[in-house]
Amino acid sequence: MENGNNKKFWINMRRDSGELRLIIAILFCIVAVFFGFLGFLLIKQGVMGEWSIVSSFRGWTLYFTSISPGLVVFIFAVIILVYGLPKTLKNL
């Protein structure tokens, strides 16, 4: 009988292996650094946009108005690293 934890996932890598977690962490970091660098370039270039976002959720209203697009992209990079990476690694 085979143990459920020993199933092959990719080449010689099991789904619960440390190598897979390392690859996923590296990919998340590459994507986050890419978004962070793009956000930095947008801020450095002085890109500004005139827009607004209004969102309502369970009685709360959220307003974003004329925030720098570079700052938004940089915030997405931080969200990827702070929220997405630990959640993905925990679910492996």
PDB file of N, CA and C in Angstrom:
ATOM      1  N   MET A   1       0.835  -1.191   0.000  1.00  0.00           N
ATOM      2  CA  MET A   1       0.000   0.000   0.000  1.00  0.00           C
ATOM      3  C   MET A   1       0.872   1.244   0.000  1.00  0.00           C
ATOM      4  N   GLU A   2       0.409   2.211  -0.716  1.00  0.00           N
ATOM      5  CA  GLU A   2       1.143   3.475  -0.751  1.00  0.00           C
ATOM      6  C   GLU A   2       0.575   4.428   0.278  1.00  0.00           C
ATOM      7  N   ASN A   3       1.462   5.153   0.870  1.00  0.00           N
ATOM      8  CA  ASN A   3       1.063   6.196   1.808  1.00  0.00           C
ATOM      9  C   ASN A   3       0.620   7.417   1.000  1.00  0.00           C
ATOM     10  N   GLY A   4      -0.457   8.085   1.386  1.00  0.00           N
ATOM     11  CA  GLY A   4      -0.978   9.235   0.648  1.00  0.00           C
ATOM     12  C   GLY A   4      -0.015  10.398   0.578  1.00  0.00           C
ATOM     13  N   ASN A   5       0.922  10.491   1.528  1.00  0.00           N
ATOM     14  CA  ASN A   5       1.876  11.593   1.543  1.00  0.00           C
ATOM     15  C   ASN A   5       3.025  11.398   0.571  1.00  0.00           C
ATOM     16  N   ASN A   6       3.212  10.203   0.053  1.00  0.00           N
ATOM     17  CA  ASN A   6       4.342   9.918  -0.800  1.00  0.00           C
ATOM     18  C   ASN A   6       4.006   9.965  -2.284  1.00  0.00           C
ATOM     19  N   LYS A   7       2.876  10.522  -2.653  1.00  0.00           N
ATOM     20  CA  LYS A   7       2.514  10.626  -4.064  1.00  0.00           C
ATOM     21  C   LYS A   7       3.453  11.592  -4.766  1.00  0.00           C
ATOM     22  N   LYS A   8       3.856  11.223  -5.958  1.00  0.00           N
ATOM     23  CA  LYS A   8       4.721  12.094  -6.746  1.00  0.00           C
ATOM     24  C   LYS A   8       3.900  13.260  -7.280  1.00  0.00           C
ATOM     25  N   PHE A   9       4.465  14.434  -7.207  1.00  0.00           N
ATOM     26  CA  PHE A   9       3.762  15.632  -7.681  1.00  0.00           C
ATOM     27  C   PHE A   9       4.361  16.135  -8.986  1.00  0.00           C
ATOM     28  N   TRP A  10       5.664  16.308  -9.008  1.00  0.00           N
ATOM     29  CA  TRP A  10       6.319  16.846 -10.194  1.00  0.00           C
ATOM     30  C   TRP A  10       7.729  16.322 -10.226  1.00  0.00           C
ATOM     31  N   ILE A  11       8.082  15.628 -11.257  1.00  0.00           N
ATOM     32  CA  ILE A  11       9.363  14.954 -11.401  1.00  0.00           C
ATOM     33  C   ILE A  11       9.599  14.106 -10.142  1.00  0.00           C
ATOM     34  N   ASN A  12      10.568  14.419  -9.301  1.00  0.00           N
ATOM     35  CA  ASN A  12      10.823  13.660  -8.080  1.00  0.00           C
ATOM     36  C   ASN A  12      10.388  14.421  -6.840  1.00  0.00           C
ATOM     37  N   MET A  13       9.459  15.346  -7.003  1.00  0.00           N
ATOM     38  CA  MET A  13       9.063  16.219  -5.915  1.00  0.00           C
ATOM     39  C   MET A  13       7.673  15.823  -5.418  1.00  0.00           C
ATOM     40  N   ARG A  14       7.550  15.612  -4.121  1.00  0.00           N
ATOM     41  CA  ARG A  14       6.235  15.342  -3.549  1.00  0.00           C
ATOM     42  C   ARG A  14       5.528  16.660  -3.283  1.00  0.00           C
ATOM     43  N   ARG A  15       4.227  16.569  -3.140  1.00  0.00           N
ATOM     44  CA  ARG A  15       3.443  17.783  -2.913  1.00  0.00           C
ATOM     45  C   ARG A  15       3.811  18.445  -1.588  1.00  0.00           C
ATOM     46  N   ASP A  16       4.199  17.689  -0.612  1.00  0.00           N
ATOM     47  CA  ASP A  16       4.526  18.238   0.702  1.00  0.00           C
ATOM     48  C   ASP A  16       6.030  18.437   0.894  1.00  0.00           C
ATOM     49  N   SER A  17       6.774  18.448  -0.189  1.00  0.00           N
ATOM     50  CA  SER A  17       8.227  18.562  -0.072  1.00  0.00           C
ATOM     51  C   SER A  17       8.674  19.998   0.171  1.00  0.00           C
ATOM     52  N   GLY A  18       9.839  20.125   0.745  1.00  0.00           N
ATOM     53  CA  GLY A  18      10.402  21.446   0.990  1.00  0.00           C
ATOM     54  C   GLY A  18      10.828  22.136  -0.293  1.00  0.00           C
ATOM     55  N   GLU A  19      11.208  21.333  -1.320  1.00  0.00           N
ATOM     56  CA  GLU A  19      11.617  21.929  -2.600  1.00  0.00           C
ATOM     57  C   GLU A  19      10.465  22.667  -3.255  1.00  0.00           C
ATOM     58  N   LEU A  20       9.266  22.094  -3.162  1.00  0.00           N
ATOM     59  CA  LEU A  20       8.098  22.754  -3.750  1.00  0.00           C
ATOM     60  C   LEU A  20       7.797  24.062  -3.024  1.00  0.00           C
ATOM     61  N   ARG A  21       7.888  24.045  -1.716  1.00  0.00           N
ATOM     62  CA  ARG A  21       7.661  25.275  -0.942  1.00  0.00           C
ATOM     63  C   ARG A  21       8.696  26.340  -1.296  1.00  0.00           C
ATOM     64  N   LEU A  22       9.932  25.927  -1.509  1.00  0.00           N
ATOM     65  CA  LEU A  22      10.987  26.861  -1.899  1.00  0.00           C
ATOM     66  C   LEU A  22      10.690  27.461  -3.275  1.00  0.00           C
ATOM     67  N   ILE A  23      10.285  26.645  -4.231  1.00  0.00           N
ATOM     68  CA  ILE A  23       9.962  27.143  -5.577  1.00  0.00           C
ATOM     69  C   ILE A  23       8.806  28.124  -5.529  1.00  0.00           C
ATOM     70  N   ILE A  24       7.761  27.801  -4.761  1.00  0.00           N
ATOM     71  CA  ILE A  24       6.603  28.704  -4.660  1.00  0.00           C
ATOM     72  C   ILE A  24       7.011  30.006  -3.981  1.00  0.00           C
ATOM     73  N   ALA A  25       7.818  29.946  -2.941  1.00  0.00           N
ATOM     74  CA  ALA A  25       8.270  31.167  -2.261  1.00  0.00           C
ATOM     75  C   ALA A  25       9.099  32.029  -3.205  1.00  0.00           C
ATOM     76  N   ILE A  26       9.969  31.404  -3.991  1.00  0.00           N
ATOM     77  CA  ILE A  26      10.783  32.167  -4.950  1.00  0.00           C
ATOM     78  C   ILE A  26       9.904  32.815  -6.005  1.00  0.00           C
ATOM     79  N   LEU A  27       8.913  32.089  -6.520  1.00  0.00           N
ATOM     80  CA  LEU A  27       8.012  32.666  -7.524  1.00  0.00           C
ATOM     81  C   LEU A  27       7.206  33.832  -6.958  1.00  0.00           C
ATOM     82  N   PHE A  28       6.694  33.683  -5.725  1.00  0.00           N
ATOM     83  CA  PHE A  28       5.961  34.780  -5.094  1.00  0.00           C
ATOM     84  C   PHE A  28       6.858  35.997  -4.929  1.00  0.00           C
ATOM     85  N   CYS A  29       8.092  35.782  -4.505  1.00  0.00           N
ATOM     86  CA  CYS A  29       9.021  36.903  -4.319  1.00  0.00           C
ATOM     87  C   CYS A  29       9.353  37.582  -5.641  1.00  0.00           C
ATOM     88  N   ILE A  30       9.523  36.796  -6.705  1.00  0.00           N
ATOM     89  CA  ILE A  30       9.802  37.376  -8.025  1.00  0.00           C
ATOM     90  C   ILE A  30       8.639  38.243  -8.476  1.00  0.00           C
ATOM     91  N   VAL A  31       7.417  37.740  -8.325  1.00  0.00           N
ATOM     92  CA  VAL A  31       6.233  38.514  -8.737  1.00  0.00           C
ATOM     93  C   VAL A  31       6.101  39.777  -7.882  1.00  0.00           C
ATOM     94  N   ALA A  32       6.312  39.654  -6.570  1.00  0.00           N
ATOM     95  CA  ALA A  32       6.195  40.818  -5.685  1.00  0.00           C
ATOM     96  C   ALA A  32       7.269  41.857  -5.991  1.00  0.00           C
ATOM     97  N   VAL A  33       8.493  41.414  -6.245  1.00  0.00           N
ATOM     98  CA  VAL A  33       9.565  42.362  -6.593  1.00  0.00           C
ATOM     99  C   VAL A  33       9.249  43.040  -7.922  1.00  0.00           C
ATOM    100  N   PHE A  34       8.698  42.302  -8.879  1.00  0.00           N
ATOM    101  CA  PHE A  34       8.306  42.886 -10.158  1.00  0.00           C
ATOM    102  C   PHE A  34       7.255  43.981  -9.953  1.00  0.00           C
ATOM    103  N   PHE A  35       6.202  43.685  -9.180  1.00  0.00           N
ATOM    104  CA  PHE A  35       5.177  44.696  -8.918  1.00  0.00           C
ATOM    105  C   PHE A  35       5.756  45.869  -8.132  1.00  0.00           C
ATOM    106  N   GLY A  36       6.614  45.584  -7.153  1.00  0.00           N
ATOM    107  CA  GLY A  36       7.228  46.661  -6.382  1.00  0.00           C
ATOM    108  C   GLY A  36       8.088  47.564  -7.247  1.00  0.00           C
ATOM    109  N   PHE A  37       8.857  46.968  -8.160  1.00  0.00           N
ATOM    110  CA  PHE A  37       9.696  47.762  -9.056  1.00  0.00           C
ATOM    111  C   PHE A  37       8.842  48.594 -10.012  1.00  0.00           C
ATOM    112  N   LEU A  38       7.768  48.002 -10.542  1.00  0.00           N
ATOM    113  CA  LEU A  38       6.870  48.779 -11.415  1.00  0.00           C
ATOM    114  C   LEU A  38       6.230  49.938 -10.653  1.00  0.00           C
ATOM    115  N   GLY A  39       5.817  49.680  -9.407  1.00  0.00           N
ATOM    116  CA  GLY A  39       5.257  50.748  -8.590  1.00  0.00           C
ATOM    117  C   GLY A  39       6.274  51.849  -8.342  1.00  0.00           C
ATOM    118  N   PHE A  40       7.519  51.463  -8.056  1.00  0.00           N
ATOM    119  CA  PHE A  40       8.586  52.446  -7.861  1.00  0.00           C
ATOM    120  C   PHE A  40       8.797  53.284  -9.124  1.00  0.00           C
ATOM    121  N   LEU A  41       8.820  52.635 -10.302  1.00  0.00           N
ATOM    122  CA  LEU A  41       9.005  53.380 -11.548  1.00  0.00           C
ATOM    123  C   LEU A  41       7.847  54.342 -11.809  1.00  0.00           C
ATOM    124  N   LEU A  42       6.626  53.908 -11.517  1.00  0.00           N
ATOM    125  CA  LEU A  42       5.471  54.800 -11.706  1.00  0.00           C
ATOM    126  C   LEU A  42       5.536  55.999 -10.767  1.00  0.00           C
ATOM    127  N   ILE A  43       5.938  55.763  -9.526  1.00  0.00           N
ATOM    128  CA  ILE A  43       6.066  56.873  -8.570  1.00  0.00           C
ATOM    129  C   ILE A  43       7.182  57.807  -9.007  1.00  0.00           C
ATOM    130  N   LYS A  44       8.302  57.239  -9.451  1.00  0.00           N
ATOM    131  CA  LYS A  44       9.449  58.043  -9.872  1.00  0.00           C
ATOM    132  C   LYS A  44       9.112  58.904 -11.087  1.00  0.00           C
ATOM    133  N   GLN A  45       8.318  58.359 -12.010  1.00  0.00           N
ATOM    134  CA  GLN A  45       7.926  59.102 -13.210  1.00  0.00           C
ATOM    135  C   GLN A  45       6.878  60.168 -12.902  1.00  0.00           C
ATOM    136  N   GLY A  46       6.262  60.097 -11.744  1.00  0.00           N
ATOM    137  CA  GLY A  46       5.261  61.092 -11.376  1.00  0.00           C
ATOM    138  C   GLY A  46       3.920  60.869 -12.051  1.00  0.00           C
ATOM    139  N   VAL A  47       3.604  59.614 -12.354  1.00  0.00           N
ATOM    140  CA  VAL A  47       2.334  59.295 -13.009  1.00  0.00           C
ATOM    141  C   VAL A  47       1.206  59.571 -12.039  1.00  0.00           C
ATOM    142  N   MET A  48       0.259  60.353 -12.481  1.00  0.00           N
ATOM    143  CA  MET A  48      -0.914  60.677 -11.675  1.00  0.00           C
ATOM    144  C   MET A  48      -2.161  60.370 -12.484  1.00  0.00           C
ATOM    145  N   GLY A  49      -3.193  60.003 -11.821  1.00  0.00           N
ATOM    146  CA  GLY A  49      -4.449  59.719 -12.490  1.00  0.00           C
ATOM    147  C   GLY A  49      -5.597  60.320 -11.709  1.00  0.00           C
ATOM    148  N   GLU A  50      -6.600  60.723 -12.397  1.00  0.00           N
ATOM    149  CA  GLU A  50      -7.796  61.285 -11.771  1.00  0.00           C
ATOM    150  C   GLU A  50      -8.869  60.215 -11.802  1.00  0.00           C
ATOM    151  N   TRP A  51      -9.105  59.580 -10.685  1.00  0.00           N
ATOM    152  CA  TRP A  51     -10.084  58.525 -10.615  1.00  0.00           C
ATOM    153  C   TRP A  51     -10.532  58.365  -9.173  1.00  0.00           C
ATOM    154  N   SER A  52     -11.590  57.603  -8.989  1.00  0.00           N
ATOM    155  CA  SER A  52     -12.054  57.331  -7.632  1.00  0.00           C
ATOM    156  C   SER A  52     -12.712  55.954  -7.596  1.00  0.00           C
ATOM    157  N   ILE A  53     -12.596  55.311  -6.455  1.00  0.00           N
ATOM    158  CA  ILE A  53     -13.209  54.012  -6.226  1.00  0.00           C
ATOM    159  C   ILE A  53     -14.049  54.144  -4.968  1.00  0.00           C
ATOM    160  N   VAL A  54     -15.304  53.740  -5.066  1.00  0.00           N
ATOM    161  CA  VAL A  54     -16.195  53.734  -3.915  1.00  0.00           C
ATOM    162  C   VAL A  54     -16.705  52.305  -3.764  1.00  0.00           C
ATOM    163  N   SER A  55     -16.513  51.723  -2.592  1.00  0.00           N
ATOM    164  CA  SER A  55     -16.915  50.342  -2.346  1.00  0.00           C
ATOM    165  C   SER A  55     -17.663  50.264  -1.025  1.00  0.00           C
ATOM    166  N   SER A  56     -18.709  49.477  -0.997  1.00  0.00           N
ATOM    167  CA  SER A  56     -19.484  49.274   0.232  1.00  0.00           C
ATOM    168  C   SER A  56     -19.461  47.799   0.591  1.00  0.00           C
ATOM    169  N   PHE A  57     -19.251  47.512   1.875  1.00  0.00           N
ATOM    170  CA  PHE A  57     -19.213  46.136   2.344  1.00  0.00           C
ATOM    171  C   PHE A  57     -19.699  46.083   3.780  1.00  0.00           C
ATOM    172  N   ARG A  58     -20.804  45.429   4.008  1.00  0.00           N
ATOM    173  CA  ARG A  58     -21.380  45.247   5.341  1.00  0.00           C
ATOM    174  C   ARG A  58     -21.494  46.545   6.125  1.00  0.00           C
ATOM    175  N   GLY A  59     -22.017  47.550   5.507  1.00  0.00           N
ATOM    176  CA  GLY A  59     -22.221  48.815   6.187  1.00  0.00           C
ATOM    177  C   GLY A  59     -21.024  49.751   6.190  1.00  0.00           C
ATOM    178  N   TRP A  60     -19.886  49.302   5.726  1.00  0.00           N
ATOM    179  CA  TRP A  60     -18.692  50.135   5.630  1.00  0.00           C
ATOM    180  C   TRP A  60     -18.579  50.658   4.214  1.00  0.00           C
ATOM    181  N   THR A  61     -18.167  51.904   4.066  1.00  0.00           N
ATOM    182  CA  THR A  61     -17.935  52.496   2.753  1.00  0.00           C
ATOM    183  C   THR A  61     -16.463  52.887   2.660  1.00  0.00           C
ATOM    184  N   LEU A  62     -15.831  52.481   1.564  1.00  0.00           N
ATOM    185  CA  LEU A  62     -14.416  52.726   1.359  1.00  0.00           C
ATOM    186  C   LEU A  62     -14.254  53.643   0.156  1.00  0.00           C
ATOM    187  N   TYR A  63     -13.507  54.723   0.326  1.00  0.00           N
ATOM    188  CA  TYR A  63     -13.271  55.690  -0.739  1.00  0.00           C
ATOM    189  C   TYR A  63     -11.777  55.768  -1.050  1.00  0.00           C
ATOM    190  N   PHE A  64     -11.428  55.588  -2.306  1.00  0.00           N
ATOM    191  CA  PHE A  64     -10.083  55.867  -2.801  1.00  0.00           C
ATOM    192  C   PHE A  64     -10.239  56.929  -3.872  1.00  0.00           C
ATOM    193  N   THR A  65      -9.547  58.030  -3.734  1.00  0.00           N
ATOM    194  CA  THR A  65      -9.660  59.094  -4.716  1.00  0.00           C
ATOM    195  C   THR A  65      -8.281  59.603  -5.088  1.00  0.00           C
ATOM    196  N   SER A  66      -7.973  59.563  -6.354  1.00  0.00           N
ATOM    197  CA  SER A  66      -6.760  60.142  -6.930  1.00  0.00           C
ATOM    198  C   SER A  66      -5.484  59.712  -6.209  1.00  0.00           C
ATOM    199  N   ILE A  67      -5.418  58.460  -5.842  1.00  0.00           N
ATOM    200  CA  ILE A  67      -4.184  57.941  -5.261  1.00  0.00           C
ATOM    201  C   ILE A  67      -3.241  57.619  -6.419  1.00  0.00           C
ATOM    202  N   SER A  68      -1.982  57.750  -6.204  1.00  0.00           N
ATOM    203  CA  SER A  68      -0.995  57.489  -7.246  1.00  0.00           C
ATOM    204  C   SER A  68      -1.085  56.031  -7.705  1.00  0.00           C
ATOM    205  N   PRO A  69      -1.159  55.777  -9.012  1.00  0.00           N
ATOM    206  CA  PRO A  69      -1.196  54.393  -9.503  1.00  0.00           C
ATOM    207  C   PRO A  69       0.041  53.602  -9.080  1.00  0.00           C
ATOM    208  N   GLY A  70       1.178  54.256  -8.974  1.00  0.00           N
ATOM    209  CA  GLY A  70       2.382  53.581  -8.525  1.00  0.00           C
ATOM    210  C   GLY A  70       2.259  53.088  -7.096  1.00  0.00           C
ATOM    211  N   LEU A  71       1.597  53.875  -6.252  1.00  0.00           N
ATOM    212  CA  LEU A  71       1.384  53.474  -4.869  1.00  0.00           C
ATOM    213  C   LEU A  71       0.455  52.267  -4.792  1.00  0.00           C
ATOM    214  N   VAL A  72      -0.560  52.224  -5.625  1.00  0.00           N
ATOM    215  CA  VAL A  72      -1.484  51.092  -5.658  1.00  0.00           C
ATOM    216  C   VAL A  72      -0.748  49.819  -6.075  1.00  0.00           C
ATOM    217  N   VAL A  73       0.087  49.905  -7.110  1.00  0.00           N
ATOM    218  CA  VAL A  73       0.845  48.744  -7.570  1.00  0.00           C
ATOM    219  C   VAL A  73       1.817  48.298  -6.485  1.00  0.00           C
ATOM    220  N   PHE A  74       2.435  49.226  -5.787  1.00  0.00           N
ATOM    221  CA  PHE A  74       3.351  48.889  -4.709  1.00  0.00           C
ATOM    222  C   PHE A  74       2.605  48.221  -3.552  1.00  0.00           C
ATOM    223  N   ILE A  75       1.404  48.685  -3.251  1.00  0.00           N
ATOM    224  CA  ILE A  75       0.584  48.066  -2.204  1.00  0.00           C
ATOM    225  C   ILE A  75       0.219  46.638  -2.593  1.00  0.00           C
ATOM    226  N   PHE A  76      -0.074  46.386  -3.879  1.00  0.00           N
ATOM    227  CA  PHE A  76      -0.339  45.023  -4.334  1.00  0.00           C
ATOM    228  C   PHE A  76       0.865  44.119  -4.098  1.00  0.00           C
ATOM    229  N   ALA A  77       2.058  44.624  -4.299  1.00  0.00           N
ATOM    230  CA  ALA A  77       3.273  43.836  -4.051  1.00  0.00           C
ATOM    231  C   ALA A  77       3.373  43.458  -2.574  1.00  0.00           C
ATOM    232  N   VAL A  78       3.066  44.399  -1.708  1.00  0.00           N
ATOM    233  CA  VAL A  78       3.114  44.130  -0.266  1.00  0.00           C
ATOM    234  C   VAL A  78       2.048  43.107   0.118  1.00  0.00           C
ATOM    235  N   ILE A  79       0.857  43.216  -0.459  1.00  0.00           N
ATOM    236  CA  ILE A  79      -0.219  42.265  -0.174  1.00  0.00           C
ATOM    237  C   ILE A  79       0.177  40.862  -0.614  1.00  0.00           C
ATOM    238  N   ILE A  80       0.831  40.747  -1.763  1.00  0.00           N
ATOM    239  CA  ILE A  80       1.271  39.437  -2.241  1.00  0.00           C
ATOM    240  C   ILE A  80       2.213  38.796  -1.230  1.00  0.00           C
ATOM    241  N   LEU A  81       3.164  39.562  -0.725  1.00  0.00           N
ATOM    242  CA  LEU A  81       4.137  38.999   0.212  1.00  0.00           C
ATOM    243  C   LEU A  81       3.571  38.769   1.610  1.00  0.00           C
ATOM    244  N   VAL A  82       2.795  39.701   2.105  1.00  0.00           N
ATOM    245  CA  VAL A  82       2.337  39.622   3.491  1.00  0.00           C
ATOM    246  C   VAL A  82       1.140  38.684   3.645  1.00  0.00           C
ATOM    247  N   TYR A  83       0.235  38.672   2.701  1.00  0.00           N
ATOM    248  CA  TYR A  83      -0.982  37.874   2.833  1.00  0.00           C
ATOM    249  C   TYR A  83      -0.949  36.604   1.984  1.00  0.00           C
ATOM    250  N   GLY A  84      -0.552  36.733   0.730  1.00  0.00           N
ATOM    251  CA  GLY A  84      -0.645  35.602  -0.198  1.00  0.00           C
ATOM    252  C   GLY A  84       0.350  34.500   0.037  1.00  0.00           C
ATOM    253  N   LEU A  85       1.607  34.847   0.262  1.00  0.00           N
ATOM    254  CA  LEU A  85       2.642  33.832   0.423  1.00  0.00           C
ATOM    255  C   LEU A  85       2.417  32.940   1.642  1.00  0.00           C
ATOM    256  N   PRO A  86       2.194  33.477   2.832  1.00  0.00           N
ATOM    257  CA  PRO A  86       1.979  32.577   3.977  1.00  0.00           C
ATOM    258  C   PRO A  86       0.733  31.711   3.822  1.00  0.00           C
ATOM    259  N   LYS A  87      -0.319  32.267   3.239  1.00  0.00           N
ATOM    260  CA  LYS A  87      -1.553  31.511   3.061  1.00  0.00           C
ATOM    261  C   LYS A  87      -1.344  30.360   2.092  1.00  0.00           C
ATOM    262  N   THR A  88      -0.597  30.594   1.013  1.00  0.00           N
ATOM    263  CA  THR A  88      -0.327  29.538   0.040  1.00  0.00           C
ATOM    264  C   THR A  88       0.562  28.457   0.632  1.00  0.00           C
ATOM    265  N   LEU A  89       1.605  28.840   1.328  1.00  0.00           N
ATOM    266  CA  LEU A  89       2.503  27.857   1.931  1.00  0.00           C
ATOM    267  C   LEU A  89       1.805  27.046   3.017  1.00  0.00           C
ATOM    268  N   LYS A  90       0.882  27.660   3.737  1.00  0.00           N
ATOM    269  CA  LYS A  90       0.143  26.948   4.780  1.00  0.00           C
ATOM    270  C   LYS A  90      -0.759  25.879   4.181  1.00  0.00           C
ATOM    271  N   ASN A  91      -1.322  26.125   3.007  1.00  0.00           N
ATOM    272  CA  ASN A  91      -2.263  25.204   2.385  1.00  0.00           C
ATOM    273  C   ASN A  91      -1.593  24.062   1.627  1.00  0.00           C
ATOM    274  N   LEU A  92      -0.282  24.025   1.564  1.00  0.00           N
ATOM    275  CA  LEU A  92       0.398  22.904   0.888  1.00  0.00           C
ATOM    276  C   LEU A  92       0.417  21.680   1.770  1.00  0.00           C
TER     277      LEU A  92
END
